[in-house]
Amino acid sequence: MVRLSIDEKIIEACPQLHIGLISCEAKNTVSDALLWKEIDYEVAAFKNSYAIEKINKIPAIQATREMYKALGKDPSRYRPSAEALCRRIMREMDLYRINTLVDLINLVSIRTGYSIGGFDADKIVGDITLTVGTTQDEFEGIGRGLLNIEGLPVYKDKLGGIGTPTSDNERTKIEMKTTRLLLIINAYSGAEGLGEAMNYMVTLLRKYGNAKNISTEVFSVRY
């Protein structure tokens, strides 16, 4: 499992933060029809349960937005990825079909409200630190070009930023050739619900990604 450290600025802004780490070996595919049946079911259930103006009140999303505000970032301009997915659903827009490993991560985000980082572990260099983005950081968001991550919580390896709750970085993204995964579930709302989300993710990884050698770990800023 990767070594993770957390900046004091993050701890001060969100003392209840818990981070779920999942690493495994997996096999990616272009798409999986059975997975998309599960996604379609979850999308229909979400539409029946929420109105678009209530999305930012989902506990995990609300907590991520509060974290942004605490660090001086506008969460309505730089939306957490889980919120962006849910808003896309309520606007009757089709979800992006990326690849199976990314699609199942999005499914967990829709169900739980957590913004989840998904990385090709072989592209990560050295240990990881969760810190706060600065004006000096250059960060190429996946499909977004250069992203201003000043004031965003950001995971960095030896070479720079790899992921924020708004977007992960092109450099470490999951591709068809990816065989080793690192997933990071950001529970800014605290420990409640994180274990269930991690178990659900592991179930999907085994079912649709033929995942093996799975390791899980929970970090808390209290320890």
Protein backbone atom coordinates (compact mmCIF):
# COMPACT_ATOMS: atom_id res chain seq x y z
CA MET A 1 0.00 0.00 0.00
CA VAL A 2 1.18 3.52 -0.80
CA ARG A 3 2.54 5.72 1.97
CA LEU A 4 0.29 8.73 2.60
CA SER A 5 0.92 11.88 4.64
CA ILE A 6 -1.50 14.74 5.30
CA ASP A 7 -0.61 18.44 5.43
CA GLU A 8 -1.47 20.33 8.63
CA LYS A 9 -3.55 22.78 6.59
CA ILE A 10 -5.84 19.93 5.59
CA ILE A 11 -6.07 18.67 9.17
CA GLU A 12 -6.99 22.11 10.47
CA ALA A 13 -9.65 22.61 7.80
CA CYS A 14 -11.24 19.15 8.18
CA PRO A 15 -10.38 17.32 11.42
CA GLN A 16 -13.07 14.70 10.72
CA LEU A 17 -11.50 13.65 7.40
CA HIS A 18 -11.16 9.93 6.73
CA ILE A 19 -9.50 8.57 3.59
CA GLY A 20 -10.18 5.13 2.16
CA LEU A 21 -7.39 3.58 0.11
CA ILE A 22 -7.89 0.57 -2.13
CA SER A 23 -5.11 -0.98 -4.18
CA CYS A 24 -5.35 -4.02 -6.41
CA GLU A 25 -4.45 -5.68 -9.66
CA ALA A 26 -7.25 -5.53 -12.21
CA LYS A 27 -8.09 -6.02 -15.86
CA ASN A 28 -9.75 -3.21 -17.76
CA THR A 29 -12.23 -3.50 -20.62
CA VAL A 30 -13.75 -0.98 -22.99
CA SER A 31 -17.24 -1.45 -21.53
CA ASP A 32 -19.33 -3.99 -19.65
CA ALA A 33 -23.03 -4.39 -20.41
CA LEU A 34 -23.87 -5.84 -16.98
CA LEU A 35 -22.10 -2.99 -15.22
CA TRP A 36 -24.09 -0.50 -17.26
CA LYS A 37 -27.31 -2.22 -16.22
CA GLU A 38 -26.28 -1.53 -12.63
CA ILE A 39 -25.40 2.06 -13.49
CA ASP A 40 -28.73 2.60 -15.25
CA TYR A 41 -30.57 1.20 -12.21
CA GLU A 42 -28.65 3.52 -9.88
CA VAL A 43 -29.32 6.50 -12.12
CA ALA A 44 -33.07 5.77 -12.13
CA ALA A 45 -33.09 5.38 -8.35
CA PHE A 46 -31.20 8.64 -7.94
CA LYS A 47 -33.67 10.53 -10.12
CA ASN A 48 -36.52 9.22 -7.98
CA SER A 49 -34.82 10.21 -4.74
CA TYR A 50 -33.46 13.71 -5.32
CA ALA A 51 -34.17 17.08 -6.87
CA ILE A 52 -31.31 18.98 -8.47
CA GLU A 53 -31.40 21.70 -5.80
CA LYS A 54 -30.91 19.06 -3.08
CA ILE A 55 -27.78 17.48 -4.50
CA ASN A 56 -25.46 19.78 -2.57
CA LYS A 57 -27.15 18.61 0.65
CA ILE A 58 -26.08 14.98 0.20
CA PRO A 59 -23.80 14.56 3.25
CA ALA A 60 -20.62 13.51 1.45
CA ILE A 61 -21.06 16.21 -1.22
CA GLN A 62 -21.97 18.89 1.31
CA ALA A 63 -18.88 18.07 3.39
CA THR A 64 -16.62 18.28 0.33
CA ARG A 65 -18.11 21.65 -0.57
CA GLU A 66 -17.53 22.88 3.00
CA MET A 67 -13.91 21.76 2.74
CA TYR A 68 -13.52 23.83 -0.43
CA LYS A 69 -14.98 26.87 1.29
CA ALA A 70 -12.66 26.40 4.28
CA LEU A 71 -9.70 26.51 1.90
CA GLY A 72 -11.04 29.53 0.01
CA LYS A 73 -12.32 27.76 -3.11
CA ASP A 74 -15.76 28.30 -4.65
CA PRO A 75 -17.41 24.84 -4.86
CA SER A 76 -20.00 26.08 -7.34
CA ARG A 77 -17.27 27.04 -9.79
CA TYR A 78 -15.03 24.04 -9.15
CA ARG A 79 -17.61 21.37 -8.41
CA PRO A 80 -16.59 18.13 -6.70
CA SER A 81 -16.70 15.31 -9.23
CA ALA A 82 -19.49 13.42 -7.44
CA GLU A 83 -21.68 16.52 -7.46
CA ALA A 84 -20.97 17.08 -11.16
CA LEU A 85 -22.01 13.48 -11.92
CA CYS A 86 -25.24 13.81 -9.95
CA ARG A 87 -26.13 17.12 -11.54
CA ARG A 88 -25.51 15.60 -14.96
CA ILE A 89 -28.04 12.87 -14.12
CA MET A 90 -30.70 15.35 -13.04
CA ARG A 91 -30.20 17.34 -16.23
CA GLU A 92 -31.05 14.19 -18.24
CA MET A 93 -27.56 14.09 -19.75
CA ASP A 94 -25.97 10.74 -20.55
CA LEU A 95 -23.09 9.69 -18.35
CA TYR A 96 -19.71 9.45 -20.02
CA ARG A 97 -18.63 5.92 -20.91
CA ILE A 98 -14.88 5.93 -20.30
CA ASN A 99 -13.81 2.36 -19.59
CA THR A 100 -14.96 -0.29 -17.15
CA LEU A 101 -12.66 0.60 -14.26
CA VAL A 102 -13.52 4.30 -14.46
CA ASP A 103 -17.22 3.59 -14.98
CA LEU A 104 -17.46 1.49 -11.82
CA ILE A 105 -15.73 4.23 -9.82
CA ASN A 106 -18.38 6.66 -11.07
CA LEU A 107 -21.10 4.23 -10.00
CA VAL A 108 -19.77 4.28 -6.43
CA SER A 109 -19.65 8.10 -6.50
CA ILE A 110 -23.28 8.30 -7.60
CA ARG A 111 -24.43 5.94 -4.86
CA THR A 112 -22.37 7.46 -2.04
CA GLY A 113 -21.66 11.10 -2.93
CA TYR A 114 -17.92 10.60 -2.43
CA SER A 115 -15.48 12.11 -4.88
CA ILE A 116 -13.09 9.26 -5.65
CA GLY A 117 -9.61 9.42 -7.12
CA GLY A 118 -8.76 6.62 -9.53
CA PHE A 119 -5.12 6.19 -10.53
CA ASP A 120 -2.84 3.90 -12.49
CA ALA A 121 -0.54 2.91 -9.62
CA ASP A 122 2.38 2.30 -11.98
CA LYS A 123 2.36 5.98 -12.94
CA ILE A 124 2.65 7.25 -9.36
CA VAL A 125 6.20 8.21 -8.37
CA GLY A 126 7.13 7.92 -4.69
CA ASP A 127 4.94 8.60 -1.69
CA ILE A 128 1.75 10.69 -1.70
CA THR A 129 0.92 13.81 0.29
CA LEU A 130 -2.54 15.37 0.65
CA THR A 131 -1.99 19.11 0.69
CA VAL A 132 -3.50 22.36 -0.62
CA GLY A 133 -2.97 23.54 -4.19
CA THR A 134 -1.03 26.74 -4.86
CA THR A 135 -0.67 29.21 -7.72
CA GLN A 136 2.61 27.51 -8.67
CA ASP A 137 0.98 24.13 -9.32
CA GLU A 138 0.47 23.07 -12.93
CA PHE A 139 -2.32 20.53 -13.09
CA GLU A 140 -3.80 19.05 -16.26
CA GLY A 141 -7.28 17.80 -15.41
CA ILE A 142 -8.58 14.82 -17.35
CA GLY A 143 -10.42 16.24 -20.35
CA ARG A 144 -10.25 19.73 -18.82
CA GLY A 145 -6.85 21.09 -19.76
CA LEU A 146 -4.93 23.16 -17.23
CA LEU A 147 -6.95 23.48 -14.04
CA ASN A 148 -6.49 26.15 -11.39
CA ILE A 149 -6.07 24.05 -8.25
CA GLU A 150 -5.12 26.90 -5.92
CA GLY A 151 -7.14 26.28 -2.74
CA LEU A 152 -8.17 22.76 -3.72
CA PRO A 153 -7.19 19.71 -1.67
CA VAL A 154 -4.71 17.87 -3.88
CA TYR A 155 -2.84 14.59 -3.71
CA LYS A 156 0.75 14.96 -4.88
CA ASP A 157 3.46 12.45 -5.64
CA LYS A 158 7.13 13.24 -6.26
CA LEU A 159 6.35 14.79 -9.66
CA GLY A 160 3.35 16.92 -8.68
CA GLY A 161 -0.42 16.80 -8.37
CA ILE A 162 -2.23 13.59 -9.27
CA GLY A 163 -5.77 14.23 -8.09
CA THR A 164 -8.29 16.60 -6.54
CA PRO A 165 -11.97 16.04 -5.68
CA THR A 166 -12.80 18.06 -8.81
CA SER A 167 -10.58 16.22 -11.29
CA ASP A 168 -7.74 13.74 -11.49
CA ASN A 169 -4.60 14.42 -13.53
CA GLU A 170 -3.96 13.21 -17.08
CA ARG A 171 -0.52 11.93 -16.06
CA THR A 172 -1.80 9.22 -13.71
CA LYS A 173 -5.19 8.43 -15.23
CA ILE A 174 -6.59 4.92 -15.67
CA GLU A 175 -6.25 3.63 -19.23
CA MET A 176 -6.99 0.39 -21.04
CA LYS A 177 -3.45 -0.85 -20.36
CA THR A 178 -3.74 -0.16 -16.62
CA THR A 179 -3.20 -3.28 -14.50
CA ARG A 180 -2.52 -1.86 -11.04
CA LEU A 181 -5.01 0.49 -9.41
CA LEU A 182 -4.93 2.92 -6.53
CA LEU A 183 -8.32 4.30 -5.51
CA ILE A 184 -8.75 7.07 -2.96
CA ILE A 185 -12.18 7.72 -1.41
CA ASN A 186 -12.37 11.19 0.13
CA ALA A 187 -14.67 11.13 3.17
CA TYR A 188 -14.67 14.76 4.26
CA SER A 189 -17.88 13.97 6.13
CA GLY A 190 -16.09 11.54 8.48
CA ALA A 191 -16.00 7.79 8.95
CA GLU A 192 -19.73 7.06 8.72
CA GLY A 193 -20.51 5.29 5.46
CA LEU A 194 -16.89 4.97 4.32
CA GLY A 195 -16.59 1.28 5.13
CA GLU A 196 -19.74 0.46 3.19
CA ALA A 197 -18.47 2.46 0.20
CA MET A 198 -15.14 0.64 0.25
CA ASN A 199 -16.85 -2.76 0.46
CA TYR A 200 -19.10 -1.84 -2.48
CA MET A 201 -16.08 -0.73 -4.51
CA VAL A 202 -14.25 -3.99 -3.79
CA THR A 203 -17.32 -5.98 -4.84
CA LEU A 204 -17.50 -4.13 -8.16
CA LEU A 205 -13.76 -4.49 -8.75
CA ARG A 206 -13.98 -8.24 -8.28
CA LYS A 207 -17.12 -8.56 -10.38
CA TYR A 208 -16.17 -6.38 -13.34
CA GLY A 209 -12.39 -5.93 -13.09
CA ASN A 210 -11.31 -9.43 -12.10
CA ALA A 211 -9.49 -7.74 -9.20
CA LYS A 212 -6.83 -9.65 -7.26
CA ASN A 213 -4.39 -8.92 -4.45
CA ILE A 214 -6.77 -6.34 -3.02
CA SER A 215 -5.55 -4.22 -0.09
CA THR A 216 -7.66 -1.70 1.83
CA GLU A 217 -6.73 0.86 4.44
CA VAL A 218 -8.43 3.79 6.16
CA PHE A 219 -6.49 6.90 7.17
CA SER A 220 -7.77 9.37 9.72
CA VAL A 221 -6.26 12.76 10.42
CA ARG A 222 -6.73 12.08 14.14
CA TYR A 223 -3.92 9.53 14.22
